Amino acid sequence: MALEVRIHGRGGQGVVTAAELLSLAAFEQGLFAQALPSFGSERTGAPVVSFCRIDEHPIRAHDPVEAPDVVVIQDPTLLRGGGVLAGLADDGLVVVNSSRRPEELESAGLRLTDDQRAVCLPASDLARERLGRPLPNTGLIGAVVAMTGVVSLPALHTAIRERFVTSRPDVVAANLRLASDAYDLSRGWERGHA
């Protein structure tokens, strides 16, 4: 049941927090997990990558995820630069922050094999409605949970409460709602489905 996730985004989008949330949710379910950030230039808007590993057994690797089962793309413009899909498993999943369908993103660089699948979710739009800011991370992790089943939605809710424990109650509630809404919506956006 090992799962390796690589999350691509830009500084200020909560890329590192996304990996932390998924790891905390795995811990909540008694699994082993690790979240690793990787920074290039540490400034708002610069490309940022984070990694998450989840397993039923202790995790010994501490290097970047080279062959992910799941790739999360918080900023779809990163598809143009190439490399964000490098190493994706033959049956891998891509979760993209976009209101467009996966087929509509092929010209932007979302090229998958027949066994790979993608789900697009307008996570920034949802976040703007729920949080008042376009932070896509919580919604995209809700989609990852829905599409992989690696952890439960209640475990993700617990992780959100733990991670945002010092935040205002309305911020926590909005993130819980965002994760739940993204969880529900992502199934309808899966590639090849209406």
N, C-alpha and C. Protein backbone atom coordinates (compact mmCIF):
# COMPACT_ATOMS: atom_id res chain seq x y z
N MET A 1 0.82 -1.19 0.00
CA MET A 1 0.00 0.00 0.00
C MET A 1 0.86 1.25 0.00
N ALA A 2 2.08 1.18 -0.43
CA ALA A 2 2.94 2.36 -0.49
C ALA A 2 2.42 3.35 -1.53
N LEU A 3 2.51 4.63 -1.20
CA LEU A 3 2.10 5.68 -2.13
C LEU A 3 3.13 6.78 -2.07
N GLU A 4 3.59 7.21 -3.25
CA GLU A 4 4.52 8.33 -3.33
C GLU A 4 3.87 9.44 -4.13
N VAL A 5 3.90 10.65 -3.55
CA VAL A 5 3.23 11.80 -4.14
C VAL A 5 4.25 12.92 -4.32
N ARG A 6 4.19 13.57 -5.49
CA ARG A 6 5.03 14.76 -5.74
C ARG A 6 4.08 15.91 -6.04
N ILE A 7 4.29 17.03 -5.36
CA ILE A 7 3.41 18.19 -5.47
C ILE A 7 4.20 19.36 -6.05
N HIS A 8 3.72 19.89 -7.17
CA HIS A 8 4.35 21.03 -7.84
C HIS A 8 3.46 22.26 -7.71
N GLY A 9 4.07 23.38 -7.42
CA GLY A 9 3.32 24.63 -7.34
C GLY A 9 4.27 25.80 -7.32
N ARG A 10 3.78 26.89 -6.85
CA ARG A 10 4.60 28.11 -6.74
C ARG A 10 4.59 28.58 -5.30
N GLY A 11 5.65 29.27 -4.93
CA GLY A 11 5.76 29.80 -3.58
C GLY A 11 4.52 30.59 -3.21
N GLY A 12 3.97 30.33 -2.04
CA GLY A 12 2.79 31.03 -1.58
C GLY A 12 1.49 30.26 -1.80
N GLN A 13 1.57 29.11 -2.50
CA GLN A 13 0.37 28.31 -2.78
C GLN A 13 0.15 27.19 -1.76
N GLY A 14 1.03 27.07 -0.79
CA GLY A 14 0.86 26.03 0.22
C GLY A 14 1.32 24.66 -0.23
N VAL A 15 2.34 24.60 -1.07
CA VAL A 15 2.85 23.33 -1.58
C VAL A 15 3.39 22.45 -0.44
N VAL A 16 4.15 23.04 0.44
CA VAL A 16 4.72 22.29 1.56
C VAL A 16 3.61 21.87 2.53
N THR A 17 2.67 22.75 2.79
CA THR A 17 1.54 22.42 3.67
C THR A 17 0.73 21.27 3.11
N ALA A 18 0.57 21.19 1.80
CA ALA A 18 -0.18 20.10 1.18
C ALA A 18 0.44 18.75 1.52
N ALA A 19 1.76 18.64 1.40
CA ALA A 19 2.44 17.38 1.74
C ALA A 19 2.30 17.08 3.23
N GLU A 20 2.38 18.11 4.07
CA GLU A 20 2.23 17.93 5.51
C GLU A 20 0.83 17.41 5.85
N LEU A 21 -0.19 17.98 5.22
CA LEU A 21 -1.57 17.55 5.49
C LEU A 21 -1.77 16.08 5.15
N LEU A 22 -1.26 15.66 3.99
CA LEU A 22 -1.40 14.27 3.59
C LEU A 22 -0.66 13.34 4.55
N SER A 23 0.53 13.75 4.98
CA SER A 23 1.29 12.96 5.95
C SER A 23 0.59 12.87 7.29
N LEU A 24 0.07 13.99 7.78
CA LEU A 24 -0.66 13.98 9.05
C LEU A 24 -1.89 13.09 8.99
N ALA A 25 -2.58 13.11 7.86
CA ALA A 25 -3.76 12.25 7.70
C ALA A 25 -3.36 10.78 7.74
N ALA A 26 -2.22 10.46 7.14
CA ALA A 26 -1.73 9.07 7.17
C ALA A 26 -1.37 8.66 8.60
N PHE A 27 -0.68 9.55 9.33
CA PHE A 27 -0.36 9.26 10.74
C PHE A 27 -1.63 9.00 11.54
N GLU A 28 -2.66 9.78 11.26
CA GLU A 28 -3.94 9.64 11.95
C GLU A 28 -4.51 8.23 11.78
N GLN A 29 -4.22 7.62 10.65
CA GLN A 29 -4.72 6.28 10.37
C GLN A 29 -3.73 5.18 10.74
N GLY A 30 -2.68 5.55 11.45
CA GLY A 30 -1.72 4.55 11.90
C GLY A 30 -0.71 4.12 10.85
N LEU A 31 -0.58 4.90 9.78
CA LEU A 31 0.39 4.60 8.73
C LEU A 31 1.68 5.36 8.98
N PHE A 32 2.73 4.95 8.29
CA PHE A 32 3.98 5.69 8.30
C PHE A 32 3.94 6.70 7.17
N ALA A 33 4.50 7.88 7.40
CA ALA A 33 4.47 8.91 6.36
C ALA A 33 5.62 9.88 6.57
N GLN A 34 5.97 10.54 5.49
CA GLN A 34 6.95 11.62 5.58
C GLN A 34 6.61 12.67 4.54
N ALA A 35 6.88 13.92 4.88
CA ALA A 35 6.70 15.05 3.98
C ALA A 35 8.05 15.74 3.85
N LEU A 36 8.47 15.95 2.61
CA LEU A 36 9.77 16.57 2.34
C LEU A 36 9.59 17.76 1.41
N PRO A 37 10.06 18.94 1.80
CA PRO A 37 10.01 20.09 0.88
C PRO A 37 11.28 20.16 0.05
N SER A 38 11.20 20.83 -1.08
CA SER A 38 12.37 21.09 -1.91
C SER A 38 12.22 22.49 -2.48
N PHE A 39 13.10 23.38 -2.08
CA PHE A 39 13.01 24.76 -2.52
C PHE A 39 14.12 25.08 -3.49
N GLY A 40 13.78 25.86 -4.51
CA GLY A 40 14.80 26.44 -5.38
C GLY A 40 15.03 27.83 -4.82
N SER A 41 14.43 28.79 -5.47
CA SER A 41 14.47 30.17 -5.00
C SER A 41 13.31 30.37 -4.03
N GLU A 42 13.61 30.80 -2.83
CA GLU A 42 12.57 30.95 -1.81
C GLU A 42 11.89 32.31 -1.91
N ARG A 43 11.03 32.43 -2.91
CA ARG A 43 10.28 33.67 -3.05
C ARG A 43 8.88 33.36 -3.57
N THR A 44 7.95 34.22 -3.29
CA THR A 44 6.59 34.04 -3.76
C THR A 44 6.57 33.96 -5.28
N GLY A 45 5.91 32.94 -5.80
CA GLY A 45 5.79 32.77 -7.24
C GLY A 45 6.83 31.86 -7.86
N ALA A 46 7.90 31.56 -7.14
CA ALA A 46 8.94 30.67 -7.68
C ALA A 46 8.45 29.23 -7.60
N PRO A 47 8.86 28.39 -8.55
CA PRO A 47 8.46 26.98 -8.50
C PRO A 47 8.95 26.30 -7.21
N VAL A 48 8.05 25.52 -6.61
CA VAL A 48 8.33 24.79 -5.38
C VAL A 48 7.83 23.36 -5.57
N VAL A 49 8.55 22.40 -5.02
CA VAL A 49 8.15 21.00 -5.08
C VAL A 49 8.19 20.45 -3.66
N SER A 50 7.20 19.63 -3.33
CA SER A 50 7.25 18.90 -2.07
C SER A 50 6.87 17.46 -2.35
N PHE A 51 7.22 16.60 -1.42
CA PHE A 51 7.03 15.17 -1.61
C PHE A 51 6.38 14.57 -0.38
N CYS A 52 5.61 13.51 -0.61
CA CYS A 52 4.99 12.79 0.49
C CYS A 52 5.08 11.30 0.19
N ARG A 53 5.48 10.55 1.19
CA ARG A 53 5.48 9.09 1.10
C ARG A 53 4.59 8.55 2.20
N ILE A 54 3.79 7.53 1.85
CA ILE A 54 2.92 6.88 2.82
C ILE A 54 3.09 5.38 2.65
N ASP A 55 3.20 4.67 3.77
CA ASP A 55 3.39 3.22 3.70
C ASP A 55 2.89 2.58 4.99
N GLU A 56 2.66 1.29 4.93
CA GLU A 56 2.29 0.52 6.12
C GLU A 56 3.53 0.14 6.92
N HIS A 57 4.70 0.30 6.33
CA HIS A 57 5.96 -0.07 6.95
C HIS A 57 6.83 1.18 7.12
N PRO A 58 7.81 1.14 8.03
CA PRO A 58 8.69 2.29 8.18
C PRO A 58 9.33 2.70 6.85
N ILE A 59 9.47 3.99 6.67
CA ILE A 59 10.02 4.53 5.42
C ILE A 59 11.49 4.86 5.64
N ARG A 60 12.33 4.25 4.86
CA ARG A 60 13.79 4.44 5.00
C ARG A 60 14.33 5.50 4.04
N ALA A 61 13.68 5.69 2.91
CA ALA A 61 14.15 6.66 1.90
C ALA A 61 13.89 8.08 2.39
N HIS A 62 14.83 8.96 2.12
CA HIS A 62 14.67 10.37 2.48
C HIS A 62 15.06 11.27 1.31
N ASP A 63 15.02 10.71 0.12
CA ASP A 63 15.38 11.45 -1.07
C ASP A 63 14.11 11.92 -1.78
N PRO A 64 14.24 12.84 -2.74
CA PRO A 64 13.06 13.29 -3.48
C PRO A 64 12.38 12.12 -4.20
N VAL A 65 11.08 12.25 -4.39
CA VAL A 65 10.30 11.22 -5.08
C VAL A 65 10.56 11.35 -6.59
N GLU A 66 11.21 10.33 -7.14
CA GLU A 66 11.54 10.33 -8.57
C GLU A 66 10.49 9.63 -9.42
N ALA A 67 9.79 8.65 -8.84
CA ALA A 67 8.80 7.85 -9.57
C ALA A 67 7.47 7.90 -8.81
N PRO A 68 6.76 9.04 -8.88
CA PRO A 68 5.54 9.19 -8.10
C PRO A 68 4.37 8.36 -8.62
N ASP A 69 3.52 7.96 -7.71
CA ASP A 69 2.24 7.34 -8.06
C ASP A 69 1.22 8.43 -8.37
N VAL A 70 1.40 9.58 -7.72
CA VAL A 70 0.50 10.72 -7.88
C VAL A 70 1.33 11.99 -8.05
N VAL A 71 0.94 12.81 -9.01
CA VAL A 71 1.52 14.14 -9.18
C VAL A 71 0.39 15.15 -9.01
N VAL A 72 0.61 16.12 -8.14
CA VAL A 72 -0.35 17.19 -7.92
C VAL A 72 0.26 18.46 -8.53
N ILE A 73 -0.53 19.13 -9.35
CA ILE A 73 -0.05 20.35 -10.01
C ILE A 73 -0.94 21.50 -9.56
N GLN A 74 -0.40 22.32 -8.65
CA GLN A 74 -1.17 23.42 -8.08
C GLN A 74 -1.26 24.60 -9.02
N ASP A 75 -0.33 24.71 -9.97
CA ASP A 75 -0.37 25.79 -10.95
C ASP A 75 -0.22 25.16 -12.33
N PRO A 76 -1.30 25.15 -13.14
CA PRO A 76 -1.24 24.46 -14.43
C PRO A 76 -0.23 25.05 -15.41
N THR A 77 0.25 26.29 -15.19
CA THR A 77 1.26 26.83 -16.10
C THR A 77 2.57 26.06 -15.98
N LEU A 78 2.76 25.32 -14.90
CA LEU A 78 3.97 24.52 -14.74
C LEU A 78 4.02 23.34 -15.71
N LEU A 79 2.89 22.97 -16.29
CA LEU A 79 2.87 21.91 -17.30
C LEU A 79 3.70 22.28 -18.51
N ARG A 80 3.74 23.57 -18.85
CA ARG A 80 4.47 24.03 -20.04
C ARG A 80 5.97 23.84 -19.91
N GLY A 81 6.49 23.94 -18.72
CA GLY A 81 7.93 23.84 -18.52
C GLY A 81 8.45 22.42 -18.68
N GLY A 82 7.56 21.46 -18.70
CA GLY A 82 7.99 20.07 -18.82
C GLY A 82 8.62 19.58 -17.52
N GLY A 83 8.67 18.31 -17.39
CA GLY A 83 9.32 17.71 -16.23
C GLY A 83 8.41 17.44 -15.06
N VAL A 84 7.25 18.09 -14.96
CA VAL A 84 6.40 17.85 -13.80
C VAL A 84 5.80 16.45 -13.81
N LEU A 85 5.69 15.85 -14.98
CA LEU A 85 5.15 14.50 -15.08
C LEU A 85 6.25 13.44 -15.17
N ALA A 86 7.50 13.86 -15.10
CA ALA A 86 8.63 12.92 -15.22
C ALA A 86 8.54 11.83 -14.16
N GLY A 87 8.70 10.59 -14.61
CA GLY A 87 8.73 9.46 -13.70
C GLY A 87 7.38 8.97 -13.23
N LEU A 88 6.27 9.60 -13.66
CA LEU A 88 4.93 9.19 -13.22
C LEU A 88 4.72 7.71 -13.51
N ALA A 89 4.23 6.99 -12.53
CA ALA A 89 3.98 5.56 -12.67
C ALA A 89 3.11 5.27 -13.88
N ASP A 90 3.27 4.09 -14.45
CA ASP A 90 2.50 3.70 -15.63
C ASP A 90 1.00 3.79 -15.40
N ASP A 91 0.57 3.55 -14.17
CA ASP A 91 -0.85 3.65 -13.83
C ASP A 91 -1.09 4.84 -12.90
N GLY A 92 -0.26 5.87 -13.04
CA GLY A 92 -0.28 7.02 -12.14
C GLY A 92 -1.47 7.94 -12.31
N LEU A 93 -1.63 8.79 -11.31
CA LEU A 93 -2.71 9.77 -11.25
C LEU A 93 -2.11 11.17 -11.22
N VAL A 94 -2.73 12.09 -11.98
CA VAL A 94 -2.35 13.50 -11.95
C VAL A 94 -3.57 14.29 -11.49
N VAL A 95 -3.38 15.16 -10.50
CA VAL A 95 -4.44 16.03 -10.01
C VAL A 95 -4.01 17.46 -10.34
N VAL A 96 -4.83 18.14 -11.15
CA VAL A 96 -4.47 19.47 -11.65
C VAL A 96 -5.46 20.51 -11.16
N ASN A 97 -4.94 21.64 -10.73
CA ASN A 97 -5.75 22.78 -10.33
C ASN A 97 -6.21 23.50 -11.60
N SER A 98 -7.37 23.11 -12.11
CA SER A 98 -7.88 23.72 -13.34
C SER A 98 -9.37 23.44 -13.47
N SER A 99 -10.10 24.37 -14.07
CA SER A 99 -11.51 24.14 -14.36
C SER A 99 -11.69 23.48 -15.72
N ARG A 100 -10.60 23.31 -16.44
CA ARG A 100 -10.65 22.66 -17.75
C ARG A 100 -10.59 21.15 -17.59
N ARG A 101 -11.00 20.43 -18.62
CA ARG A 101 -10.93 18.97 -18.60
C ARG A 101 -9.50 18.54 -18.96
N PRO A 102 -9.07 17.38 -18.50
CA PRO A 102 -7.71 16.91 -18.82
C PRO A 102 -7.39 16.95 -20.31
N GLU A 103 -8.36 16.57 -21.16
CA GLU A 103 -8.12 16.57 -22.60
C GLU A 103 -7.80 17.97 -23.11
N GLU A 104 -8.37 18.97 -22.48
CA GLU A 104 -8.13 20.36 -22.89
C GLU A 104 -6.75 20.86 -22.47
N LEU A 105 -6.09 20.13 -21.60
CA LEU A 105 -4.76 20.54 -21.14
C LEU A 105 -3.63 19.79 -21.85
N GLU A 106 -3.97 18.93 -22.80
CA GLU A 106 -2.93 18.19 -23.52
C GLU A 106 -1.96 19.12 -24.23
N SER A 107 -2.48 20.18 -24.87
CA SER A 107 -1.59 21.11 -25.58
C SER A 107 -0.70 21.89 -24.62
N ALA A 108 -1.10 21.97 -23.36
CA ALA A 108 -0.29 22.66 -22.35
C ALA A 108 0.75 21.73 -21.72
N GLY A 109 0.71 20.43 -22.08
CA GLY A 109 1.71 19.51 -21.56
C GLY A 109 1.18 18.35 -20.75
N LEU A 110 -0.13 18.24 -20.58
CA LEU A 110 -0.69 17.12 -19.83
C LEU A 110 -0.91 15.95 -20.80
N ARG A 111 0.17 15.24 -21.05
CA ARG A 111 0.12 14.10 -21.97
C ARG A 111 0.29 12.82 -21.16
N LEU A 112 -0.74 11.98 -21.20
CA LEU A 112 -0.76 10.77 -20.40
C LEU A 112 -0.86 9.54 -21.28
N THR A 113 -0.43 8.42 -20.75
CA THR A 113 -0.61 7.15 -21.44
C THR A 113 -2.02 6.66 -21.17
N ASP A 114 -2.42 5.60 -21.84
CA ASP A 114 -3.78 5.08 -21.68
C ASP A 114 -4.08 4.64 -20.24
N ASP A 115 -3.09 4.16 -19.51
CA ASP A 115 -3.32 3.66 -18.16
C ASP A 115 -3.18 4.73 -17.08
N GLN A 116 -2.65 5.88 -17.45
CA GLN A 116 -2.56 6.98 -16.50
C GLN A 116 -3.87 7.75 -16.55
N ARG A 117 -4.21 8.41 -15.44
CA ARG A 117 -5.45 9.16 -15.41
C ARG A 117 -5.22 10.51 -14.77
N ALA A 118 -6.14 11.40 -15.04
CA ALA A 118 -6.04 12.76 -14.50
C ALA A 118 -7.40 13.22 -14.01
N VAL A 119 -7.37 14.04 -13.01
CA VAL A 119 -8.57 14.72 -12.53
C VAL A 119 -8.22 16.20 -12.42
N CYS A 120 -9.12 17.03 -12.95
CA CYS A 120 -8.95 18.48 -12.84
C CYS A 120 -10.00 19.00 -11.87
N LEU A 121 -9.57 19.92 -11.06
CA LEU A 121 -10.44 20.49 -10.04
C LEU A 121 -10.15 21.98 -9.94
N PRO A 122 -11.17 22.84 -10.00
CA PRO A 122 -10.92 24.28 -9.89
C PRO A 122 -10.65 24.68 -8.44
N ALA A 123 -9.55 24.19 -7.91
CA ALA A 123 -9.25 24.35 -6.48
C ALA A 123 -9.03 25.81 -6.08
N SER A 124 -8.40 26.60 -6.94
CA SER A 124 -8.20 28.02 -6.59
C SER A 124 -9.54 28.75 -6.52
N ASP A 125 -10.44 28.45 -7.46
CA ASP A 125 -11.77 29.08 -7.45
C ASP A 125 -12.55 28.67 -6.21
N LEU A 126 -12.50 27.37 -5.89
CA LEU A 126 -13.19 26.89 -4.68
C LEU A 126 -12.62 27.56 -3.43
N ALA A 127 -11.29 27.67 -3.37
CA ALA A 127 -10.64 28.30 -2.21
C ALA A 127 -11.01 29.77 -2.11
N ARG A 128 -11.08 30.45 -3.24
CA ARG A 128 -11.46 31.86 -3.22
C ARG A 128 -12.86 32.01 -2.63
N GLU A 129 -13.77 31.10 -3.00
CA GLU A 129 -15.15 31.14 -2.47
C GLU A 129 -15.19 30.81 -0.98
N ARG A 130 -14.44 29.79 -0.55
CA ARG A 130 -14.52 29.32 0.84
C ARG A 130 -13.60 30.10 1.79
N LEU A 131 -12.40 30.42 1.30
CA LEU A 131 -11.39 31.04 2.17
C LEU A 131 -11.20 32.53 1.94
N GLY A 132 -11.67 33.00 0.79
CA GLY A 132 -11.43 34.40 0.43
C GLY A 132 -10.07 34.62 -0.20
N ARG A 133 -9.30 33.53 -0.39
CA ARG A 133 -7.98 33.60 -1.03
C ARG A 133 -7.81 32.37 -1.93
N PRO A 134 -7.10 32.50 -3.03
CA PRO A 134 -6.94 31.38 -3.97
C PRO A 134 -5.85 30.39 -3.57
N LEU A 135 -5.98 29.75 -2.41
CA LEU A 135 -5.00 28.77 -1.94
C LEU A 135 -5.51 27.37 -2.28
N PRO A 136 -4.96 26.71 -3.30
CA PRO A 136 -5.52 25.46 -3.80
C PRO A 136 -5.15 24.20 -3.03
N ASN A 137 -4.21 24.29 -2.10
CA ASN A 137 -3.63 23.08 -1.51
C ASN A 137 -4.63 22.17 -0.79
N THR A 138 -5.47 22.70 0.07
CA THR A 138 -6.40 21.86 0.83
C THR A 138 -7.38 21.16 -0.10
N GLY A 139 -7.88 21.86 -1.10
CA GLY A 139 -8.79 21.25 -2.05
C GLY A 139 -8.13 20.15 -2.86
N LEU A 140 -6.91 20.39 -3.32
CA LEU A 140 -6.23 19.38 -4.12
C LEU A 140 -5.92 18.13 -3.31
N ILE A 141 -5.59 18.29 -2.04
CA ILE A 141 -5.35 17.11 -1.20
C ILE A 141 -6.67 16.37 -0.96
N GLY A 142 -7.77 17.10 -0.86
CA GLY A 142 -9.08 16.45 -0.79
C GLY A 142 -9.33 15.58 -2.01
N ALA A 143 -8.93 16.07 -3.18
CA ALA A 143 -9.07 15.29 -4.41
C ALA A 143 -8.16 14.06 -4.40
N VAL A 144 -6.93 14.21 -3.91
CA VAL A 144 -6.00 13.07 -3.83
C VAL A 144 -6.60 11.99 -2.94
N VAL A 145 -7.14 12.39 -1.80
CA VAL A 145 -7.75 11.43 -0.87
C VAL A 145 -8.92 10.72 -1.55
N ALA A 146 -9.75 11.47 -2.27
CA ALA A 146 -10.90 10.86 -2.95
C ALA A 146 -10.46 9.88 -4.03
N MET A 147 -9.44 10.23 -4.79
CA MET A 147 -9.07 9.43 -5.95
C MET A 147 -8.19 8.24 -5.60
N THR A 148 -7.46 8.30 -4.48
CA THR A 148 -6.56 7.20 -4.13
C THR A 148 -7.12 6.31 -3.02
N GLY A 149 -7.92 6.88 -2.13
CA GLY A 149 -8.42 6.12 -1.00
C GLY A 149 -7.32 5.75 -0.01
N VAL A 150 -6.15 6.37 -0.13
CA VAL A 150 -5.02 6.02 0.74
C VAL A 150 -5.30 6.39 2.20
N VAL A 151 -6.04 7.45 2.41
CA VAL A 151 -6.50 7.84 3.74
C VAL A 151 -7.95 8.27 3.61
N SER A 152 -8.64 8.34 4.73
CA SER A 152 -10.05 8.72 4.71
C SER A 152 -10.22 10.23 4.81
N LEU A 153 -11.40 10.70 4.41
CA LEU A 153 -11.71 12.12 4.55
C LEU A 153 -11.72 12.54 6.03
N PRO A 154 -12.27 11.73 6.95
CA PRO A 154 -12.18 12.12 8.36
C PRO A 154 -10.73 12.27 8.85
N ALA A 155 -9.82 11.42 8.36
CA ALA A 155 -8.41 11.55 8.73
C ALA A 155 -7.84 12.87 8.20
N LEU A 156 -8.22 13.25 6.99
CA LEU A 156 -7.77 14.54 6.44
C LEU A 156 -8.35 15.69 7.27
N HIS A 157 -9.59 15.57 7.68
CA HIS A 157 -10.18 16.62 8.53
C HIS A 157 -9.40 16.77 9.84
N THR A 158 -9.02 15.65 10.43
CA THR A 158 -8.22 15.70 11.65
C THR A 158 -6.89 16.38 11.39
N ALA A 159 -6.27 16.06 10.26
CA ALA A 159 -4.99 16.68 9.89
C ALA A 159 -5.14 18.19 9.73
N ILE A 160 -6.22 18.62 9.10
CA ILE A 160 -6.46 20.06 8.91
C ILE A 160 -6.61 20.74 10.27
N ARG A 161 -7.36 20.12 11.18
CA ARG A 161 -7.52 20.71 12.52
C ARG A 161 -6.17 20.81 13.24
N GLU A 162 -5.35 19.76 13.12
CA GLU A 162 -4.03 19.77 13.77
C GLU A 162 -3.10 20.81 13.16
N ARG A 163 -3.08 20.87 11.83
CA ARG A 163 -2.14 21.77 11.14
C ARG A 163 -2.52 23.24 11.34
N PHE A 164 -3.83 23.51 11.40
CA PHE A 164 -4.30 24.89 11.52
C PHE A 164 -4.79 25.21 12.93
N VAL A 165 -4.25 24.50 13.92
CA VAL A 165 -4.71 24.64 15.30
C VAL A 165 -4.62 26.07 15.81
N THR A 166 -3.67 26.84 15.34
CA THR A 166 -3.51 28.23 15.80
C THR A 166 -4.30 29.22 14.96
N SER A 167 -4.98 28.72 13.93
CA SER A 167 -5.77 29.60 13.06
C SER A 167 -7.12 29.90 13.71
N ARG A 168 -7.76 30.92 13.19
CA ARG A 168 -9.11 31.25 13.66
C ARG A 168 -10.06 30.10 13.34
N PRO A 169 -11.09 29.89 14.16
CA PRO A 169 -12.05 28.81 13.92
C PRO A 169 -12.71 28.88 12.54
N ASP A 170 -12.96 30.09 12.03
CA ASP A 170 -13.59 30.20 10.72
C ASP A 170 -12.66 29.75 9.60
N VAL A 171 -11.35 29.94 9.79
CA VAL A 171 -10.37 29.48 8.79
C VAL A 171 -10.31 27.95 8.78
N VAL A 172 -10.32 27.36 9.96
CA VAL A 172 -10.33 25.90 10.06
C VAL A 172 -11.58 25.34 9.41
N ALA A 173 -12.74 25.91 9.74
CA ALA A 173 -14.01 25.44 9.19
C ALA A 173 -14.04 25.58 7.67
N ALA A 174 -13.50 26.68 7.16
CA ALA A 174 -13.48 26.89 5.71
C ALA A 174 -12.58 25.87 5.02
N ASN A 175 -11.45 25.53 5.62
CA ASN A 175 -10.57 24.52 5.04
C ASN A 175 -11.20 23.13 5.09
N LEU A 176 -11.92 22.82 6.17
CA LEU A 176 -12.63 21.55 6.25
C LEU A 176 -13.68 21.45 5.15
N ARG A 177 -14.41 22.53 4.95
CA ARG A 177 -15.43 22.57 3.90
C ARG A 177 -14.79 22.44 2.52
N LEU A 178 -13.68 23.12 2.32
CA LEU A 178 -12.98 23.07 1.03
C LEU A 178 -12.51 21.65 0.72
N ALA A 179 -11.91 20.99 1.69
CA ALA A 179 -11.45 19.61 1.48
C ALA A 179 -12.61 18.69 1.16
N SER A 180 -13.72 18.84 1.88
CA SER A 180 -14.90 18.00 1.64
C SER A 180 -15.50 18.26 0.27
N ASP A 181 -15.64 19.52 -0.10
CA ASP A 181 -16.21 19.86 -1.41
C ASP A 181 -15.33 19.32 -2.54
N ALA A 182 -14.02 19.47 -2.40
CA ALA A 182 -13.10 18.98 -3.43
C ALA A 182 -13.15 17.46 -3.50
N TYR A 183 -13.25 16.82 -2.37
CA TYR A 183 -13.38 15.36 -2.31
C TYR A 183 -14.59 14.91 -3.12
N ASP A 184 -15.72 15.57 -2.89
CA ASP A 184 -16.96 15.21 -3.59
C ASP A 184 -16.90 15.54 -5.08
N LEU A 185 -16.38 16.71 -5.43
CA LEU A 185 -16.35 17.15 -6.82
C LEU A 185 -15.35 16.39 -7.69
N SER A 186 -14.27 15.95 -7.12
CA SER A 186 -13.18 15.37 -7.93
C SER A 186 -13.60 14.13 -8.70
N ARG A 187 -14.50 13.37 -8.17
CA ARG A 187 -14.94 12.15 -8.86
C ARG A 187 -15.58 12.46 -10.21
N GLY A 188 -16.31 13.54 -10.31
CA GLY A 188 -16.95 13.90 -11.57
C GLY A 188 -16.01 14.50 -12.60
N TRP A 189 -14.83 14.93 -12.15
CA TRP A 189 -13.86 15.55 -13.07
C TRP A 189 -12.83 14.56 -13.56
N GLU A 190 -12.90 13.31 -13.15
CA GLU A 190 -11.91 12.33 -13.55
C GLU A 190 -11.91 12.16 -15.07
N ARG A 191 -10.74 11.97 -15.61
CA ARG A 191 -10.58 11.83 -17.06
C ARG A 191 -11.47 10.72 -17.60
N GLY A 192 -12.17 11.02 -18.66
CA GLY A 192 -13.01 10.03 -19.32
C GLY A 192 -14.41 9.94 -18.76
N HIS A 193 -14.74 10.80 -17.80
CA HIS A 193 -16.07 10.77 -17.20
C HIS A 193 -16.71 12.14 -17.31
N ALA A 194 -18.02 12.16 -17.32
CA ALA A 194 -18.73 13.44 -17.42
C ALA A 194 -18.73 14.18 -16.11
